[in-house]
Amino acid sequence: MVCCEFPAAAAGCDGAFTVDSSRITFGRGCLAELGERAAALGLRRVALFSDAQVATLPIFATARDSLLAAGIDVVTYTEVRVEPTDDSFAAASRFARDANPDGYVSLGGGSVIDTCKAANLYATHPADFLTYVNAPIGDGKPVPGPLKPHIACPTTAGTGSEVTGIAIFDLLSLTVKTGIASPALRPTEALVDPDCTATLPGGVVAAAGLDVLSHALESYTARPYVHRPAPPRPSLRPMSQGANPWSDLGCREALRVLGQNLESAVRDGTDDAAREQMMWAATLAGIAFGNAGVHAPHGMAYAVAGLVRDFHPAGYPAGESLVPHGMSVIVNAPAVFRFTASASPQRHTEAARLLGADTRDAGPDDAGEVLAGELIRIIRAVGMPNGLSGVGYTDDDIGALTEGAFPQQRLLQNAPRQMDKPVLAELFGHAMRYW
């Protein structure tokens, strides 16, 4: 889609969009470039963030050895929590202040990269924890200046955190997931090495891949950037700008790549080509949603993950109840896209076609059902739960889920249709089960 296919901005709305991204190096074996990349940024003392599991893998030694070979002093932090909390962000920030590095490296999934972003932020610009957290849960204050250099090295094909200015966590006092969003948080560079995903269990690949899928779908169907109110100053233009010509490019290609490779990447851990393509799709979708924003499935997911009681997914650390982020998103997606299809039937139908659905006979009134049907087929094919009921929720939880999701206004206002409390309650009801 080219610029002229978007309508002219209405009075009071923005007629421009901004494109931001990290510098990206993509390819097998590029993790070994880490030391040279860090040295080129002038780094002499680096805080290397990871988690306890990744720290035992050969890729951790590859990263650390590369830094040391470049003459860089390395201090390590491997206590990152899967699904971070405000407490774990605070602990990481204390480490960063004490270590006082001149730059950061994150090696891990979205939890590691997000924790490193937060540690960099609070060590560089100390403040009360809620100062930078998204309003209305936090104060939503802008980050007052640049952060130290951060090289992000993802080990999952999912969150896209290596190219976004977003850090997500659980706020324990409210049992809700929220985040910090600022262009300042976007990593300076990303080293995207598909070899880092070789040992991931299929269930982790599925959850992460469905996060990628929803990033692309939500960005592609988000409110168009020309429908967003113009900011008082250009510097205040939000990262969640809405669908725009740049984000459309990444979304469409990510959806096509996912449609061709997701099931193979999950089913056969030896299919290196499929996993490499999944990594590429994650990068494309990350750049896209970093400039367009996601909407209701992610906004609803924060409540799904935050209120979990007793669910233990395969492939994740034992003994802790959690709904992995991609899973918490995708259980809402079919219900949401059935609802939003009337706002842009052509985009919803095109997304279904890119994922692999036969849309030749689909008219505008069929768009929601065609896309929801293809999503449900994919969800079943990769072994995801049957909607919210599959992760432990019942109809009695709809009220609490609605109250948990409604504060996520940064996301909900990016949806192409209004997401008030009655609509959210209806969507949660429809998301309880799909088959």
Protein backbone atom coordinates (compact mmCIF):
# COMPACT_ATOMS: atom_id res chain seq x y z
CA MET A 1 0.00 0.00 0.00
CA VAL A 2 1.39 3.40 -0.94
CA CYS A 3 0.85 6.70 0.83
CA CYS A 4 -1.84 7.89 -1.52
CA GLU A 5 -4.06 4.94 -0.54
CA PHE A 6 -4.46 6.43 2.92
CA PRO A 7 -7.06 9.21 2.96
CA ALA A 8 -6.07 12.77 3.72
CA ALA A 9 -5.93 13.56 7.41
CA ALA A 10 -9.15 14.97 8.84
CA ALA A 11 -9.15 18.32 10.59
CA GLY A 12 -7.16 18.10 13.81
CA CYS A 13 -5.55 14.78 12.85
CA ASP A 14 -1.93 14.08 12.02
CA GLY A 15 -0.87 14.07 8.40
CA ALA A 16 2.61 12.66 8.98
CA PHE A 17 4.21 9.57 10.48
CA THR A 18 7.69 8.88 11.83
CA VAL A 19 9.82 5.80 11.14
CA ASP A 20 12.23 4.67 13.85
CA SER A 21 14.24 1.47 14.23
CA SER A 22 17.36 0.08 15.78
CA ARG A 23 20.34 -0.72 13.60
CA ILE A 24 19.87 -4.40 12.68
CA THR A 25 22.34 -7.13 11.78
CA PHE A 26 20.61 -10.36 10.74
CA GLY A 27 22.11 -13.74 9.90
CA ARG A 28 23.44 -17.01 11.19
CA GLY A 29 26.51 -16.59 13.35
CA CYS A 30 26.25 -12.81 13.69
CA LEU A 31 26.26 -13.10 17.50
CA ALA A 32 30.03 -13.50 17.21
CA GLU A 33 30.18 -9.88 15.96
CA LEU A 34 29.07 -8.62 19.37
CA GLY A 35 32.48 -7.57 20.67
CA GLU A 36 33.35 -5.61 17.55
CA ARG A 37 29.93 -3.94 17.56
CA ALA A 38 30.29 -2.93 21.20
CA ALA A 39 33.80 -1.60 20.66
CA ALA A 40 32.61 0.45 17.69
CA LEU A 41 30.16 2.16 20.05
CA GLY A 42 33.07 3.10 22.30
CA LEU A 43 32.08 0.70 25.07
CA ARG A 44 34.75 -0.35 27.56
CA ARG A 45 32.62 -1.79 30.39
CA VAL A 46 29.45 -3.68 29.51
CA ALA A 47 26.64 -5.11 31.62
CA LEU A 48 25.60 -8.40 29.99
CA PHE A 49 21.98 -9.28 30.86
CA SER A 50 20.56 -12.78 30.45
CA ASP A 51 18.56 -15.34 32.40
CA ALA A 52 19.61 -18.43 34.33
CA GLN A 53 18.68 -20.83 31.53
CA VAL A 54 20.32 -18.96 28.64
CA ALA A 55 23.43 -18.47 30.80
CA THR A 56 24.05 -22.23 30.62
CA LEU A 57 23.96 -22.36 26.81
CA PRO A 58 26.87 -22.09 24.38
CA ILE A 59 25.44 -18.86 22.96
CA PHE A 60 26.09 -17.13 26.29
CA ALA A 61 29.75 -18.11 26.13
CA THR A 62 29.87 -16.94 22.50
CA ALA A 63 28.56 -13.50 23.49
CA ARG A 64 30.77 -13.12 26.54
CA ASP A 65 33.90 -14.37 24.77
CA SER A 66 33.30 -11.99 21.87
CA LEU A 67 33.11 -9.05 24.26
CA LEU A 68 36.23 -10.12 26.16
CA ALA A 69 38.17 -10.66 22.92
CA ALA A 70 37.42 -7.05 22.02
CA GLY A 71 39.05 -5.91 25.26
CA ILE A 72 35.77 -5.06 26.98
CA ASP A 73 35.21 -5.54 30.70
CA VAL A 74 32.06 -7.62 31.25
CA VAL A 75 29.82 -7.75 34.30
CA THR A 76 26.94 -10.22 34.10
CA TYR A 77 23.39 -10.21 35.40
CA THR A 78 21.58 -13.52 34.93
CA GLU A 79 18.72 -13.15 37.43
CA VAL A 80 16.16 -11.93 34.93
CA ARG A 81 12.70 -13.28 35.66
CA VAL A 82 10.56 -14.93 33.00
CA GLU A 83 7.57 -12.56 32.76
CA PRO A 84 9.24 -9.67 34.67
CA THR A 85 7.63 -7.76 37.54
CA ASP A 86 8.13 -4.30 38.99
CA ASP A 87 10.21 -5.98 41.72
CA SER A 88 12.47 -7.76 39.21
CA PHE A 89 12.89 -4.54 37.18
CA ALA A 90 13.87 -2.74 40.38
CA ALA A 91 16.43 -5.41 41.32
CA ALA A 92 17.99 -5.22 37.86
CA SER A 93 18.11 -1.44 38.09
CA ARG A 94 19.95 -1.60 41.40
CA PHE A 95 22.50 -3.91 39.82
CA ALA A 96 22.95 -1.50 36.91
CA ARG A 97 23.48 1.48 39.19
CA ASP A 98 26.09 -0.41 41.22
CA ALA A 99 27.85 -1.82 38.15
CA ASN A 100 27.94 1.57 36.40
CA PRO A 101 28.67 0.23 32.89
CA ASP A 102 29.01 2.51 29.89
CA GLY A 103 26.72 0.26 27.87
CA TYR A 104 24.48 -2.81 27.95
CA VAL A 105 24.03 -6.10 26.13
CA SER A 106 20.90 -8.24 26.45
CA LEU A 107 20.96 -11.89 25.39
CA GLY A 108 17.61 -13.62 25.76
CA GLY A 109 13.93 -13.38 24.99
CA GLY A 110 11.67 -10.40 25.49
CA SER A 111 11.88 -10.67 29.27
CA VAL A 112 15.65 -10.24 29.20
CA ILE A 113 15.63 -7.42 26.66
CA ASP A 114 12.83 -5.56 28.47
CA THR A 115 14.59 -5.94 31.83
CA CYS A 116 17.79 -4.55 30.33
CA LYS A 117 15.85 -1.58 28.92
CA ALA A 118 14.37 -0.84 32.34
CA ALA A 119 17.72 -1.19 34.12
CA ASN A 120 19.32 1.19 31.64
CA LEU A 121 16.47 3.68 32.12
CA TYR A 122 16.36 3.75 35.92
CA ALA A 123 20.14 3.66 36.32
CA THR A 124 20.56 6.54 33.86
CA HIS A 125 17.57 8.64 34.96
CA PRO A 126 16.66 7.57 38.53
CA ALA A 127 13.05 8.20 39.53
CA ASP A 128 10.20 6.69 41.50
CA PHE A 129 9.24 3.48 39.74
CA LEU A 130 5.83 4.62 38.41
CA THR A 131 7.24 7.83 36.95
CA TYR A 132 7.79 6.40 33.46
CA VAL A 133 5.10 3.70 33.53
CA ASN A 134 2.26 4.13 31.03
CA ALA A 135 -0.69 6.21 32.20
CA PRO A 136 -3.21 5.79 33.72
CA ILE A 137 -1.50 3.07 35.76
CA GLY A 138 1.69 5.13 36.09
CA ASP A 139 2.54 8.79 35.59
CA GLY A 140 3.57 8.35 31.95
CA LYS A 141 6.33 10.97 32.26
CA PRO A 142 8.64 11.28 29.25
CA VAL A 143 12.16 9.93 29.55
CA PRO A 144 14.26 13.09 30.14
CA GLY A 145 17.19 12.21 27.89
CA PRO A 146 19.10 9.51 26.03
CA LEU A 147 20.10 6.22 27.62
CA LYS A 148 23.43 4.40 27.38
CA PRO A 149 24.05 2.22 24.31
CA HIS A 150 22.24 -1.14 24.33
CA ILE A 151 22.89 -4.03 21.96
CA ALA A 152 19.99 -6.51 22.01
CA CYS A 153 20.53 -10.13 20.97
CA PRO A 154 17.20 -12.02 20.86
CA THR A 155 17.06 -15.76 21.51
CA THR A 156 13.38 -16.21 20.63
CA ALA A 157 11.47 -15.39 17.44
CA GLY A 158 8.66 -13.50 19.07
CA THR A 159 8.56 -10.26 20.99
CA GLY A 160 10.45 -7.99 18.61
CA SER A 161 11.72 -6.21 21.72
CA GLU A 162 15.14 -5.84 20.11
CA VAL A 163 13.72 -3.13 17.80
CA THR A 164 11.05 -1.46 19.97
CA GLY A 165 10.98 1.15 22.70
CA ILE A 166 8.66 -0.86 24.94
CA ALA A 167 9.33 -2.76 28.18
CA ILE A 168 6.53 -4.93 29.63
CA PHE A 169 6.16 -6.17 33.21
CA ASP A 170 3.67 -7.31 35.85
CA LEU A 171 2.73 -4.67 38.42
CA LEU A 172 2.32 -6.91 41.44
CA SER A 173 0.26 -4.53 43.56
CA LEU A 174 -2.52 -4.42 40.94
CA THR A 175 -2.02 -7.92 39.46
CA VAL A 176 -1.92 -6.35 36.01
CA LYS A 177 0.56 -6.29 33.18
CA THR A 178 1.62 -2.88 31.90
CA GLY A 179 4.72 -1.26 30.50
CA ILE A 180 6.97 1.66 29.74
CA ALA A 181 6.98 3.08 26.21
CA SER A 182 9.49 5.60 24.92
CA PRO A 183 11.69 5.90 21.83
CA ALA A 184 14.60 6.29 24.27
CA LEU A 185 14.21 2.62 25.29
CA ARG A 186 14.73 1.31 21.76
CA PRO A 187 18.05 -0.61 21.66
CA THR A 188 20.86 1.03 19.76
CA GLU A 189 21.57 -2.11 17.79
CA ALA A 190 20.09 -5.58 17.34
CA LEU A 191 22.08 -8.69 16.48
CA VAL A 192 19.49 -11.17 15.24
CA ASP A 193 21.12 -14.59 14.96
CA PRO A 194 18.72 -17.43 14.01
CA ASP A 195 21.13 -19.97 15.51
CA CYS A 196 20.06 -18.69 18.93
CA THR A 197 16.63 -20.36 18.53
CA ALA A 198 17.93 -23.83 17.62
CA THR A 199 17.29 -25.42 21.03
CA LEU A 200 13.90 -23.85 21.81
CA PRO A 201 11.07 -26.30 22.65
CA GLY A 202 8.18 -26.38 20.20
CA GLY A 203 5.74 -24.90 22.70
CA VAL A 204 7.95 -21.86 23.21
CA VAL A 205 8.35 -21.44 19.45
CA ALA A 206 4.55 -21.60 19.08
CA ALA A 207 3.79 -19.01 21.75
CA ALA A 208 6.49 -16.65 20.52
CA GLY A 209 5.48 -17.11 16.88
CA LEU A 210 1.87 -16.32 17.63
CA ASP A 211 3.00 -13.12 19.33
CA VAL A 212 4.70 -12.22 16.06
CA LEU A 213 1.54 -13.07 14.15
CA SER A 214 -0.57 -10.83 16.35
CA HIS A 215 1.98 -7.99 16.19
CA ALA A 216 1.62 -8.01 12.42
CA LEU A 217 -2.17 -8.44 12.41
CA GLU A 218 -2.81 -5.75 14.99
CA SER A 219 -0.49 -3.23 13.35
CA TYR A 220 -1.99 -3.91 9.93
CA THR A 221 -5.56 -3.44 11.20
CA ALA A 222 -4.84 -0.60 13.65
CA ARG A 223 -6.51 2.78 13.35
CA PRO A 224 -4.84 4.57 10.38
CA TYR A 225 -2.29 7.19 11.33
CA VAL A 226 -4.36 9.90 9.59
CA HIS A 227 -7.18 9.26 12.09
CA ARG A 228 -4.99 9.97 15.12
CA PRO A 229 -5.21 13.44 16.69
CA ALA A 230 -2.22 15.60 15.80
CA PRO A 231 0.21 16.02 18.70
CA PRO A 232 0.82 19.48 20.18
CA ARG A 233 4.43 19.20 18.98
CA PRO A 234 6.07 16.78 16.52
CA SER A 235 8.32 15.50 19.29
CA LEU A 236 5.20 14.25 21.09
CA ARG A 237 4.05 12.03 18.22
CA PRO A 238 3.46 8.62 19.87
CA MET A 239 5.17 5.41 18.84
CA SER A 240 1.71 3.86 18.43
CA GLN A 241 0.95 6.02 15.41
CA GLY A 242 -1.51 3.65 13.78
CA ALA A 243 -1.26 1.79 10.48
CA ASN A 244 0.96 3.62 8.00
CA PRO A 245 2.69 2.84 4.69
CA TRP A 246 5.95 1.83 6.37
CA SER A 247 4.38 -0.52 8.91
CA ASP A 248 2.16 -2.06 6.23
CA LEU A 249 5.25 -3.28 4.36
CA GLY A 250 6.58 -5.18 7.36
CA CYS A 251 3.17 -6.49 8.42
CA ARG A 252 2.28 -8.00 5.07
CA GLU A 253 5.62 -9.70 4.63
CA ALA A 254 5.65 -10.98 8.21
CA LEU A 255 2.18 -12.49 7.75
CA ARG A 256 3.23 -14.19 4.50
CA VAL A 257 6.38 -15.63 6.09
CA LEU A 258 4.45 -16.81 9.16
CA GLY A 259 1.80 -18.49 7.04
CA GLN A 260 4.47 -20.51 5.27
CA ASN A 261 6.75 -21.37 8.20
CA LEU A 262 5.13 -21.24 11.64
CA GLU A 263 3.74 -24.78 11.72
CA SER A 264 6.98 -26.29 10.41
CA ALA A 265 9.07 -24.35 12.92
CA VAL A 266 6.94 -25.65 15.80
CA ARG A 267 6.48 -29.21 14.59
CA ASP A 268 10.04 -30.02 13.58
CA GLY A 269 12.83 -28.65 15.72
CA THR A 270 15.34 -29.67 13.06
CA ASP A 271 13.81 -27.39 10.41
CA ASP A 272 16.45 -24.69 10.65
CA ALA A 273 15.17 -22.92 7.55
CA ALA A 274 11.69 -22.48 9.05
CA ARG A 275 13.12 -21.18 12.32
CA GLU A 276 15.33 -18.74 10.46
CA GLN A 277 12.29 -17.44 8.59
CA MET A 278 10.43 -17.09 11.90
CA MET A 279 13.28 -14.93 13.22
CA TRP A 280 13.02 -12.75 10.13
CA ALA A 281 9.24 -12.43 10.55
CA ALA A 282 9.72 -11.42 14.18
CA THR A 283 12.14 -8.68 13.15
CA LEU A 284 9.82 -7.37 10.44
CA ALA A 285 6.79 -7.37 12.72
CA GLY A 286 8.80 -5.77 15.53
CA ILE A 287 9.80 -2.85 13.32
CA ALA A 288 6.19 -2.57 12.10
CA PHE A 289 4.47 -2.51 15.47
CA GLY A 290 7.23 -0.33 16.90
CA ASN A 291 6.02 2.35 14.49
CA ALA A 292 2.29 1.56 14.26
CA GLY A 293 1.37 0.00 17.60
CA VAL A 294 -0.77 -2.98 18.50
CA HIS A 295 -4.31 -2.84 19.85
CA ALA A 296 -6.99 -4.91 21.57
CA PRO A 297 -5.57 -8.48 21.62
CA HIS A 298 -2.47 -7.16 23.38
CA GLY A 299 -4.46 -4.85 25.65
CA MET A 300 -6.64 -7.77 26.71
CA ALA A 301 -3.59 -10.02 27.08
CA TYR A 302 -2.20 -7.95 29.93
CA ALA A 303 -5.21 -8.88 32.05
CA VAL A 304 -5.06 -12.53 30.95
CA ALA A 305 -1.43 -12.81 32.02
CA GLY A 306 -1.79 -10.68 35.14
CA LEU A 307 -4.74 -12.57 36.64
CA VAL A 308 -3.54 -16.11 35.94
CA ARG A 309 -4.22 -18.55 38.78
CA ASP A 310 -3.09 -22.07 37.99
CA PHE A 311 -1.73 -22.63 34.51
CA HIS A 312 1.63 -24.23 33.74
CA PRO A 313 2.58 -24.26 30.03
CA ALA A 314 4.88 -26.88 28.60
CA GLY A 315 8.40 -25.74 27.83
CA TYR A 316 8.50 -23.02 30.48
CA PRO A 317 10.00 -23.08 34.01
CA ALA A 318 8.13 -25.50 36.27
CA GLY A 319 6.44 -24.55 39.49
CA GLU A 320 5.19 -21.11 38.48
CA SER A 321 1.77 -20.20 37.14
CA LEU A 322 2.02 -18.10 34.00
CA VAL A 323 0.44 -17.58 30.63
CA PRO A 324 3.28 -16.86 28.18
CA HIS A 325 2.87 -13.51 26.49
CA GLY A 326 2.18 -14.80 22.99
CA MET A 327 -0.35 -17.28 24.34
CA SER A 328 -2.12 -14.59 26.38
CA VAL A 329 -2.45 -12.52 23.21
CA ILE A 330 -3.58 -15.16 20.73
CA VAL A 331 -6.40 -16.55 22.89
CA ASN A 332 -8.15 -13.18 22.39
CA ALA A 333 -7.33 -12.67 18.74
CA PRO A 334 -10.12 -14.55 16.89
CA ALA A 335 -12.81 -12.81 18.94
CA VAL A 336 -11.25 -9.39 18.42
CA PHE A 337 -10.77 -9.69 14.66
CA ARG A 338 -14.33 -10.87 14.16
CA PHE A 339 -15.35 -7.60 15.82
CA THR A 340 -12.90 -5.23 14.11
CA ALA A 341 -13.36 -6.59 10.58
CA SER A 342 -16.20 -4.19 9.76
CA ALA A 343 -13.79 -1.26 10.14
CA SER A 344 -11.50 -2.50 7.34
CA PRO A 345 -12.84 -5.66 5.65
CA GLN A 346 -10.25 -5.57 2.88
CA ARG A 347 -7.33 -5.56 5.32
CA HIS A 348 -8.78 -8.39 7.39
CA THR A 349 -9.38 -10.50 4.26
CA GLU A 350 -5.92 -9.73 2.91
CA ALA A 351 -4.35 -10.76 6.23
CA ALA A 352 -6.21 -14.08 6.12
CA ARG A 353 -5.00 -14.67 2.54
CA LEU A 354 -1.38 -13.94 3.49
CA LEU A 355 -1.64 -16.47 6.32
CA GLY A 356 -2.85 -19.13 3.91
CA ALA A 357 -6.64 -18.97 3.89
CA ASP A 358 -8.63 -19.37 0.67
CA THR A 359 -10.31 -15.96 0.33
CA ARG A 360 -11.37 -16.13 -3.33
CA ASP A 361 -15.10 -16.13 -2.54
CA ALA A 362 -14.93 -13.91 0.55
CA GLY A 363 -16.92 -10.68 0.48
CA PRO A 364 -16.71 -7.76 2.93
CA ASP A 365 -19.24 -9.36 5.27
CA ASP A 366 -17.14 -12.53 5.44
CA ALA A 367 -13.86 -10.85 6.42
CA GLY A 368 -14.09 -11.34 10.18
CA GLU A 369 -15.12 -14.96 10.00
CA VAL A 370 -12.51 -15.83 7.37
CA LEU A 371 -9.67 -14.32 9.42
CA ALA A 372 -10.93 -15.74 12.73
CA GLY A 373 -11.31 -19.16 11.13
CA GLU A 374 -7.74 -19.14 9.83
CA LEU A 375 -6.43 -18.04 13.24
CA ILE A 376 -8.33 -20.84 14.97
CA ARG A 377 -6.93 -23.35 12.48
CA ILE A 378 -3.38 -22.16 13.21
CA ILE A 379 -3.93 -22.10 16.98
CA ARG A 380 -5.08 -25.73 16.89
CA ALA A 381 -2.30 -26.80 14.53
CA VAL A 382 0.45 -25.55 16.87
CA GLY A 383 -1.16 -26.86 20.06
CA MET A 384 -2.32 -23.66 21.74
CA PRO A 385 -5.16 -23.71 24.31
CA ASN A 386 -8.82 -23.43 23.37
CA GLY A 387 -9.35 -19.78 24.22
CA LEU A 388 -9.45 -18.38 27.72
CA SER A 389 -11.01 -21.54 29.11
CA GLY A 390 -7.86 -23.38 28.06
CA VAL A 391 -5.72 -21.27 30.40
CA GLY A 392 -8.05 -21.56 33.38
CA TYR A 393 -10.65 -18.82 33.05
CA THR A 394 -14.44 -19.12 33.19
CA ASP A 395 -17.34 -16.79 32.44
CA ASP A 396 -17.21 -15.72 36.09
CA ASP A 397 -13.87 -14.04 35.36
CA ILE A 398 -15.13 -11.75 32.60
CA GLY A 399 -15.70 -8.81 34.94
CA ALA A 400 -12.20 -8.98 36.43
CA LEU A 401 -10.62 -9.43 33.01
CA THR A 402 -12.51 -6.41 31.69
CA GLU A 403 -11.43 -4.24 34.61
CA GLY A 404 -7.85 -5.42 34.13
CA ALA A 405 -7.80 -4.64 30.41
CA PHE A 406 -9.58 -1.30 30.37
CA PRO A 407 -6.65 0.73 31.79
CA GLN A 408 -4.54 -0.30 28.77
CA GLN A 409 -5.70 2.80 26.91
CA ARG A 410 -2.43 3.26 25.01
CA LEU A 411 -3.30 0.04 23.18
CA LEU A 412 -7.08 0.12 23.15
CA GLN A 413 -7.23 3.58 21.59
CA ASN A 414 -5.20 2.24 18.67
CA ALA A 415 -7.96 -0.21 17.75
CA PRO A 416 -10.05 0.55 14.65
CA ARG A 417 -13.29 0.33 16.66
CA GLN A 418 -14.12 1.69 20.10
CA MET A 419 -13.10 -0.55 23.00
CA ASP A 420 -15.23 0.45 25.98
CA LYS A 421 -15.98 -1.82 28.92
CA PRO A 422 -19.14 -3.41 27.47
CA VAL A 423 -17.27 -4.24 24.26
CA LEU A 424 -14.33 -5.71 26.17
CA ALA A 425 -16.66 -7.84 28.29
CA GLU A 426 -18.36 -9.15 25.14
CA LEU A 427 -15.00 -9.93 23.52
CA PHE A 428 -13.74 -11.78 26.59
CA GLY A 429 -16.95 -13.80 26.55
CA HIS A 430 -16.51 -14.73 22.90
CA ALA A 431 -12.84 -15.63 23.58
CA MET A 432 -13.66 -18.25 26.22
CA ARG A 433 -13.66 -21.11 23.73
CA TYR A 434 -13.45 -21.54 19.96
CA TRP A 435 -14.11 -25.25 19.37
